Amino acid sequence: VPKADGASVPVLGDLSGVLEAAQRGQVQTVA
């Protein structure tokens, strides 16, 4: 999410680090 935002699910990064967050979370899908 944007740096100023929060979410009810764990925040793994901001919008500039989607790839790193996806690999760190071992995800199969980015929505």
PDB file of all heavy atoms in Angstrom:
ATOM      1  N   VAL A   1       0.848  -1.183   0.000  1.00  0.00           N
ATOM      2  CA  VAL A   1       0.000   0.000   0.000  1.00  0.00           C
ATOM      3  C   VAL A   1       0.886   1.235   0.000  1.00  0.00           C
ATOM      4  O   VAL A   1       2.087   1.160   0.305  1.00  0.00           O
ATOM      5  CB  VAL A   1      -0.925   0.001   1.240  1.00  0.00           C
ATOM      6  CG1 VAL A   1      -1.853  -1.212   1.214  1.00  0.00           C
ATOM      7  CG2 VAL A   1      -0.112   0.022   2.528  1.00  0.00           C
ATOM      8  N   PRO A   2       0.333   2.404  -0.359  1.00  0.00           N
ATOM      9  CA  PRO A   2       1.123   3.636  -0.265  1.00  0.00           C
ATOM     10  C   PRO A   2       1.674   3.829   1.144  1.00  0.00           C
ATOM     11  O   PRO A   2       1.097   3.346   2.132  1.00  0.00           O
ATOM     12  CB  PRO A   2       0.098   4.730  -0.618  1.00  0.00           C
ATOM     13  CG  PRO A   2      -0.909   4.037  -1.472  1.00  0.00           C
ATOM     14  CD  PRO A   2      -1.003   2.644  -0.924  1.00  0.00           C
ATOM     15  N   LYS A   3       2.780   4.519   1.254  1.00  0.00           N
ATOM     16  CA  LYS A   3       3.485   4.640   2.538  1.00  0.00           C
ATOM     17  C   LYS A   3       2.614   5.229   3.636  1.00  0.00           C
ATOM     18  O   LYS A   3       2.780   4.902   4.809  1.00  0.00           O
ATOM     19  CB  LYS A   3       4.747   5.486   2.354  1.00  0.00           C
ATOM     20  CG  LYS A   3       5.802   4.806   1.483  1.00  0.00           C
ATOM     21  CD  LYS A   3       7.047   5.644   1.354  1.00  0.00           C
ATOM     22  CE  LYS A   3       8.104   4.933   0.496  1.00  0.00           C
ATOM     23  NZ  LYS A   3       9.341   5.725   0.342  1.00  0.00           N
ATOM     24  N   ALA A   4       1.666   6.106   3.266  1.00  0.00           N
ATOM     25  CA  ALA A   4       0.837   6.747   4.285  1.00  0.00           C
ATOM     26  C   ALA A   4      -0.355   5.886   4.701  1.00  0.00           C
ATOM     27  O   ALA A   4      -1.061   6.223   5.645  1.00  0.00           O
ATOM     28  CB  ALA A   4       0.327   8.093   3.773  1.00  0.00           C
ATOM     29  N   ASP A   5      -0.585   4.775   4.000  1.00  0.00           N
ATOM     30  CA  ASP A   5      -1.759   3.940   4.260  1.00  0.00           C
ATOM     31  C   ASP A   5      -1.419   2.751   5.154  1.00  0.00           C
ATOM     32  O   ASP A   5      -0.272   2.340   5.269  1.00  0.00           O
ATOM     33  CB  ASP A   5      -2.354   3.407   2.957  1.00  0.00           C
ATOM     34  CG  ASP A   5      -3.160   4.467   2.222  1.00  0.00           C
ATOM     35  OD1 ASP A   5      -3.118   5.632   2.665  1.00  0.00           O
ATOM     36  OD2 ASP A   5      -3.830   4.136   1.234  1.00  0.00           O
ATOM     37  N   GLY A   6      -2.462   2.195   5.745  1.00  0.00           N
ATOM     38  CA  GLY A   6      -2.362   0.934   6.464  1.00  0.00           C
ATOM     39  C   GLY A   6      -3.404  -0.018   5.916  1.00  0.00           C
ATOM     40  O   GLY A   6      -4.215   0.342   5.065  1.00  0.00           O
ATOM     41  N   ALA A   7      -3.393  -1.238   6.404  1.00  0.00           N
ATOM     42  CA  ALA A   7      -4.359  -2.227   5.944  1.00  0.00           C
ATOM     43  C   ALA A   7      -4.578  -3.248   7.051  1.00  0.00           C
ATOM     44  O   ALA A   7      -3.765  -3.378   7.975  1.00  0.00           O
ATOM     45  CB  ALA A   7      -3.875  -2.916   4.672  1.00  0.00           C
ATOM     46  N   SER A   8      -5.714  -3.955   6.944  1.00  0.00           N
ATOM     47  CA  SER A   8      -6.033  -4.968   7.947  1.00  0.00           C
ATOM     48  C   SER A   8      -5.210  -6.236   7.770  1.00  0.00           C
ATOM     49  O   SER A   8      -5.121  -7.051   8.675  1.00  0.00           O
ATOM     50  CB  SER A   8      -7.525  -5.316   7.869  1.00  0.00           C
ATOM     51  OG  SER A   8      -7.856  -5.824   6.585  1.00  0.00           O
ATOM     52  N   VAL A   9      -4.587  -6.408   6.591  1.00  0.00           N
ATOM     53  CA  VAL A   9      -3.716  -7.560   6.347  1.00  0.00           C
ATOM     54  C   VAL A   9      -2.265  -7.092   6.513  1.00  0.00           C
ATOM     55  O   VAL A   9      -1.986  -5.892   6.474  1.00  0.00           O
ATOM     56  CB  VAL A   9      -3.946  -8.135   4.930  1.00  0.00           C
ATOM     57  CG1 VAL A   9      -5.371  -8.644   4.792  1.00  0.00           C
ATOM     58  CG2 VAL A   9      -3.645  -7.095   3.849  1.00  0.00           C
ATOM     59  N   PRO A  10      -1.331  -8.021   6.708  1.00  0.00           N
ATOM     60  CA  PRO A  10       0.068  -7.607   6.881  1.00  0.00           C
ATOM     61  C   PRO A  10       0.586  -6.798   5.695  1.00  0.00           C
ATOM     62  O   PRO A  10       0.400  -7.188   4.546  1.00  0.00           O
ATOM     63  CB  PRO A  10       0.810  -8.942   7.010  1.00  0.00           C
ATOM     64  CG  PRO A  10      -0.217  -9.901   7.504  1.00  0.00           C
ATOM     65  CD  PRO A  10      -1.509  -9.477   6.882  1.00  0.00           C
ATOM     66  N   VAL A  11       1.195  -5.660   5.968  1.00  0.00           N
ATOM     67  CA  VAL A  11       1.774  -4.810   4.922  1.00  0.00           C
ATOM     68  C   VAL A  11       3.214  -5.251   4.695  1.00  0.00           C
ATOM     69  O   VAL A  11       4.053  -5.170   5.597  1.00  0.00           O
ATOM     70  CB  VAL A  11       1.704  -3.327   5.320  1.00  0.00           C
ATOM     71  CG1 VAL A  11       2.403  -2.466   4.267  1.00  0.00           C
ATOM     72  CG2 VAL A  11       0.259  -2.887   5.503  1.00  0.00           C
ATOM     73  N   LEU A  12       3.489  -5.723   3.460  1.00  0.00           N
ATOM     74  CA  LEU A  12       4.811  -6.244   3.131  1.00  0.00           C
ATOM     75  C   LEU A  12       5.694  -5.236   2.406  1.00  0.00           C
ATOM     76  O   LEU A  12       6.843  -5.533   2.114  1.00  0.00           O
ATOM     77  CB  LEU A  12       4.675  -7.513   2.272  1.00  0.00           C
ATOM     78  CG  LEU A  12       3.851  -8.647   2.873  1.00  0.00           C
ATOM     79  CD1 LEU A  12       3.867  -9.863   1.952  1.00  0.00           C
ATOM     80  CD2 LEU A  12       4.374  -9.023   4.252  1.00  0.00           C
ATOM     81  N   GLY A  13       5.139  -4.071   2.099  1.00  0.00           N
ATOM     82  CA  GLY A  13       5.921  -3.064   1.402  1.00  0.00           C
ATOM     83  C   GLY A  13       5.031  -1.984   0.826  1.00  0.00           C
ATOM     84  O   GLY A  13       3.807  -2.002   0.999  1.00  0.00           O
ATOM     85  N   ASP A  14       5.652  -1.026   0.121  1.00  0.00           N
ATOM     86  CA  ASP A  14       4.867   0.016  -0.537  1.00  0.00           C
ATOM     87  C   ASP A  14       4.795  -0.301  -2.030  1.00  0.00           C
ATOM     88  O   ASP A  14       5.229  -1.362  -2.496  1.00  0.00           O
ATOM     89  CB  ASP A  14       5.466   1.405  -0.280  1.00  0.00           C
ATOM     90  CG  ASP A  14       6.926   1.504  -0.719  1.00  0.00           C
ATOM     91  OD1 ASP A  14       7.342   0.719  -1.611  1.00  0.00           O
ATOM     92  OD2 ASP A  14       7.655   2.361  -0.196  1.00  0.00           O
ATOM     93  N   LEU A  15       4.256   0.633  -2.806  1.00  0.00           N
ATOM     94  CA  LEU A  15       4.021   0.376  -4.221  1.00  0.00           C
ATOM     95  C   LEU A  15       5.299   0.282  -5.039  1.00  0.00           C
ATOM     96  O   LEU A  15       5.270  -0.193  -6.175  1.00  0.00           O
ATOM     97  CB  LEU A  15       3.116   1.477  -4.806  1.00  0.00           C
ATOM     98  CG  LEU A  15       1.726   1.613  -4.163  1.00  0.00           C
ATOM     99  CD1 LEU A  15       0.898   2.646  -4.908  1.00  0.00           C
ATOM    100  CD2 LEU A  15       1.011   0.276  -4.146  1.00  0.00           C
ATOM    101  N   SER A  16       6.417   0.719  -4.489  1.00  0.00           N
ATOM    102  CA  SER A  16       7.677   0.637  -5.236  1.00  0.00           C
ATOM    103  C   SER A  16       8.393  -0.696  -5.025  1.00  0.00           C
ATOM    104  O   SER A  16       9.405  -0.962  -5.669  1.00  0.00           O
ATOM    105  CB  SER A  16       8.609   1.785  -4.815  1.00  0.00           C
ATOM    106  OG  SER A  16       8.982   1.646  -3.448  1.00  0.00           O
ATOM    107  N   GLY A  17       7.890  -1.520  -4.130  1.00  0.00           N
ATOM    108  CA  GLY A  17       8.565  -2.779  -3.847  1.00  0.00           C
ATOM    109  C   GLY A  17       7.677  -3.992  -4.004  1.00  0.00           C
ATOM    110  O   GLY A  17       7.759  -4.939  -3.208  1.00  0.00           O
ATOM    111  N   VAL A  18       6.829  -3.988  -5.030  1.00  0.00           N
ATOM    112  CA  VAL A  18       5.878  -5.081  -5.218  1.00  0.00           C
ATOM    113  C   VAL A  18       6.594  -6.397  -5.512  1.00  0.00           C
ATOM    114  O   VAL A  18       6.264  -7.445  -4.947  1.00  0.00           O
ATOM    115  CB  VAL A  18       4.884  -4.741  -6.349  1.00  0.00           C
ATOM    116  CG1 VAL A  18       4.002  -5.942  -6.674  1.00  0.00           C
ATOM    117  CG2 VAL A  18       4.025  -3.547  -5.955  1.00  0.00           C
ATOM    118  N   LEU A  19       7.580  -6.373  -6.399  1.00  0.00           N
ATOM    119  CA  LEU A  19       8.283  -7.601  -6.758  1.00  0.00           C
ATOM    120  C   LEU A  19       8.975  -8.219  -5.553  1.00  0.00           C
ATOM    121  O   LEU A  19       8.870  -9.429  -5.313  1.00  0.00           O
ATOM    122  CB  LEU A  19       9.297  -7.319  -7.861  1.00  0.00           C
ATOM    123  CG  LEU A  19      10.167  -8.516  -8.284  1.00  0.00           C
ATOM    124  CD1 LEU A  19       9.295  -9.671  -8.788  1.00  0.00           C
ATOM    125  CD2 LEU A  19      11.171  -8.108  -9.347  1.00  0.00           C
ATOM    126  N   GLU A  20       9.679  -7.393  -4.771  1.00  0.00           N
ATOM    127  CA  GLU A  20      10.371  -7.920  -3.598  1.00  0.00           C
ATOM    128  C   GLU A  20       9.372  -8.485  -2.590  1.00  0.00           C
ATOM    129  O   GLU A  20       9.596  -9.544  -1.996  1.00  0.00           O
ATOM    130  CB  GLU A  20      11.208  -6.817  -2.937  1.00  0.00           C
ATOM    131  CG  GLU A  20      12.428  -6.397  -3.731  1.00  0.00           C
ATOM    132  CD  GLU A  20      12.090  -5.404  -4.832  1.00  0.00           C
ATOM    133  OE1 GLU A  20      10.891  -5.148  -5.052  1.00  0.00           O
ATOM    134  OE2 GLU A  20      13.029  -4.916  -5.480  1.00  0.00           O
ATOM    135  N   ALA A  21       8.247  -7.803  -2.396  1.00  0.00           N
ATOM    136  CA  ALA A  21       7.236  -8.281  -1.458  1.00  0.00           C
ATOM    137  C   ALA A  21       6.629  -9.591  -1.939  1.00  0.00           C
ATOM    138  O   ALA A  21       6.366 -10.500  -1.141  1.00  0.00           O
ATOM    139  CB  ALA A  21       6.151  -7.221  -1.277  1.00  0.00           C
ATOM    140  N   ALA A  22       6.402  -9.693  -3.242  1.00  0.00           N
ATOM    141  CA  ALA A  22       5.823 -10.919  -3.791  1.00  0.00           C
ATOM    142  C   ALA A  22       6.759 -12.104  -3.612  1.00  0.00           C
ATOM    143  O   ALA A  22       6.337 -13.212  -3.258  1.00  0.00           O
ATOM    144  CB  ALA A  22       5.494 -10.717  -5.271  1.00  0.00           C
ATOM    145  N   GLN A  23       8.051 -11.874  -3.845  1.00  0.00           N
ATOM    146  CA  GLN A  23       9.017 -12.958  -3.675  1.00  0.00           C
ATOM    147  C   GLN A  23       9.210 -13.304  -2.207  1.00  0.00           C
ATOM    148  O   GLN A  23       9.347 -14.478  -1.852  1.00  0.00           O
ATOM    149  CB  GLN A  23      10.344 -12.561  -4.317  1.00  0.00           C
ATOM    150  CG  GLN A  23      10.275 -12.460  -5.840  1.00  0.00           C
ATOM    151  CD  GLN A  23      11.562 -11.961  -6.450  1.00  0.00           C
ATOM    152  OE1 GLN A  23      12.252 -11.122  -5.864  1.00  0.00           O
ATOM    153  NE2 GLN A  23      11.896 -12.458  -7.628  1.00  0.00           N
ATOM    154  N   ARG A  24       9.179 -12.292  -1.349  1.00  0.00           N
ATOM    155  CA  ARG A  24       9.351 -12.543   0.077  1.00  0.00           C
ATOM    156  C   ARG A  24       8.151 -13.307   0.637  1.00  0.00           C
ATOM    157  O   ARG A  24       8.312 -14.177   1.506  1.00  0.00           O
ATOM    158  CB  ARG A  24       9.522 -11.216   0.820  1.00  0.00           C
ATOM    159  CG  ARG A  24       9.913 -11.367   2.277  1.00  0.00           C
ATOM    160  CD  ARG A  24      10.410 -10.053   2.860  1.00  0.00           C
ATOM    161  NE  ARG A  24       9.413  -8.993   2.806  1.00  0.00           N
ATOM    162  CZ  ARG A  24       9.461  -7.945   1.997  1.00  0.00           C
ATOM    163  NH1 ARG A  24      10.469  -7.833   1.133  1.00  0.00           N
ATOM    164  NH2 ARG A  24       8.527  -7.022   2.010  1.00  0.00           N
ATOM    165  N   GLY A  25       6.976 -12.998   0.133  1.00  0.00           N
ATOM    166  CA  GLY A  25       5.775 -13.691   0.585  1.00  0.00           C
ATOM    167  C   GLY A  25       5.507 -14.995  -0.138  1.00  0.00           C
ATOM    168  O   GLY A  25       4.528 -15.676   0.171  1.00  0.00           O
ATOM    169  N   GLN A  26       6.377 -15.339  -1.122  1.00  0.00           N
ATOM    170  CA  GLN A  26       6.238 -16.586  -1.897  1.00  0.00           C
ATOM    171  C   GLN A  26       4.818 -16.719  -2.472  1.00  0.00           C
ATOM    172  O   GLN A  26       4.179 -17.761  -2.374  1.00  0.00           O
ATOM    173  CB  GLN A  26       6.573 -17.799  -1.036  1.00  0.00           C
ATOM    174  CG  GLN A  26       8.016 -17.824  -0.563  1.00  0.00           C
ATOM    175  CD  GLN A  26       8.329 -19.053   0.272  1.00  0.00           C
ATOM    176  OE1 GLN A  26       7.472 -19.563   0.992  1.00  0.00           O
ATOM    177  NE2 GLN A  26       9.560 -19.545   0.166  1.00  0.00           N
ATOM    178  N   VAL A  27       4.338 -15.638  -3.085  1.00  0.00           N
ATOM    179  CA  VAL A  27       2.971 -15.631  -3.615  1.00  0.00           C
ATOM    180  C   VAL A  27       2.958 -16.163  -5.043  1.00  0.00           C
ATOM    181  O   VAL A  27       3.975 -16.157  -5.747  1.00  0.00           O
ATOM    182  CB  VAL A  27       2.368 -14.206  -3.577  1.00  0.00           C
ATOM    183  CG1 VAL A  27       2.410 -13.640  -2.170  1.00  0.00           C
ATOM    184  CG2 VAL A  27       3.062 -13.271  -4.554  1.00  0.00           C
ATOM    185  N   GLN A  28       1.777 -16.628  -5.437  1.00  0.00           N
ATOM    186  CA  GLN A  28       1.570 -17.066  -6.812  1.00  0.00           C
ATOM    187  C   GLN A  28       0.796 -16.037  -7.631  1.00  0.00           C
ATOM    188  O   GLN A  28       0.789 -16.092  -8.849  1.00  0.00           O
ATOM    189  CB  GLN A  28       0.789 -18.391  -6.841  1.00  0.00           C
ATOM    190  CG  GLN A  28       1.561 -19.604  -6.358  1.00  0.00           C
ATOM    191  CD  GLN A  28       1.569 -19.718  -4.852  1.00  0.00           C
ATOM    192  OE1 GLN A  28       0.590 -19.413  -4.172  1.00  0.00           O
ATOM    193  NE2 GLN A  28       2.689 -20.165  -4.313  1.00  0.00           N
ATOM    194  N   THR A  29       0.143 -15.086  -6.950  1.00  0.00           N
ATOM    195  CA  THR A  29      -0.695 -14.103  -7.641  1.00  0.00           C
ATOM    196  C   THR A  29      -0.537 -12.743  -6.986  1.00  0.00           C
ATOM    197  O   THR A  29      -0.531 -12.637  -5.748  1.00  0.00           O
ATOM    198  CB  THR A  29      -2.182 -14.518  -7.599  1.00  0.00           C
ATOM    199  OG1 THR A  29      -2.337 -15.808  -8.193  1.00  0.00           O
ATOM    200  CG2 THR A  29      -3.046 -13.522  -8.355  1.00  0.00           C
ATOM    201  N   VAL A  30      -0.446 -11.710  -7.819  1.00  0.00           N
ATOM    202  CA  VAL A  30      -0.493 -10.324  -7.364  1.00  0.00           C
ATOM    203  C   VAL A  30      -1.803  -9.738  -7.878  1.00  0.00           C
ATOM    204  O   VAL A  30      -2.057  -9.728  -9.082  1.00  0.00           O
ATOM    205  CB  VAL A  30       0.703  -9.503  -7.875  1.00  0.00           C
ATOM    206  CG1 VAL A  30       0.498  -8.013  -7.588  1.00  0.00           C
ATOM    207  CG2 VAL A  30       1.996  -9.991  -7.251  1.00  0.00           C
ATOM    208  N   ALA A  31      -2.643  -9.267  -6.963  1.00  0.00           N
ATOM    209  CA  ALA A  31      -3.944  -8.701  -7.324  1.00  0.00           C
ATOM    210  C   ALA A  31      -3.919  -7.205  -7.067  1.00  0.00           C
ATOM    211  O   ALA A  31      -3.718  -6.763  -5.930  1.00  0.00           O
ATOM    212  CB  ALA A  31      -5.058  -9.361  -6.515  1.00  0.00           C
TER     213      ALA A  31
END
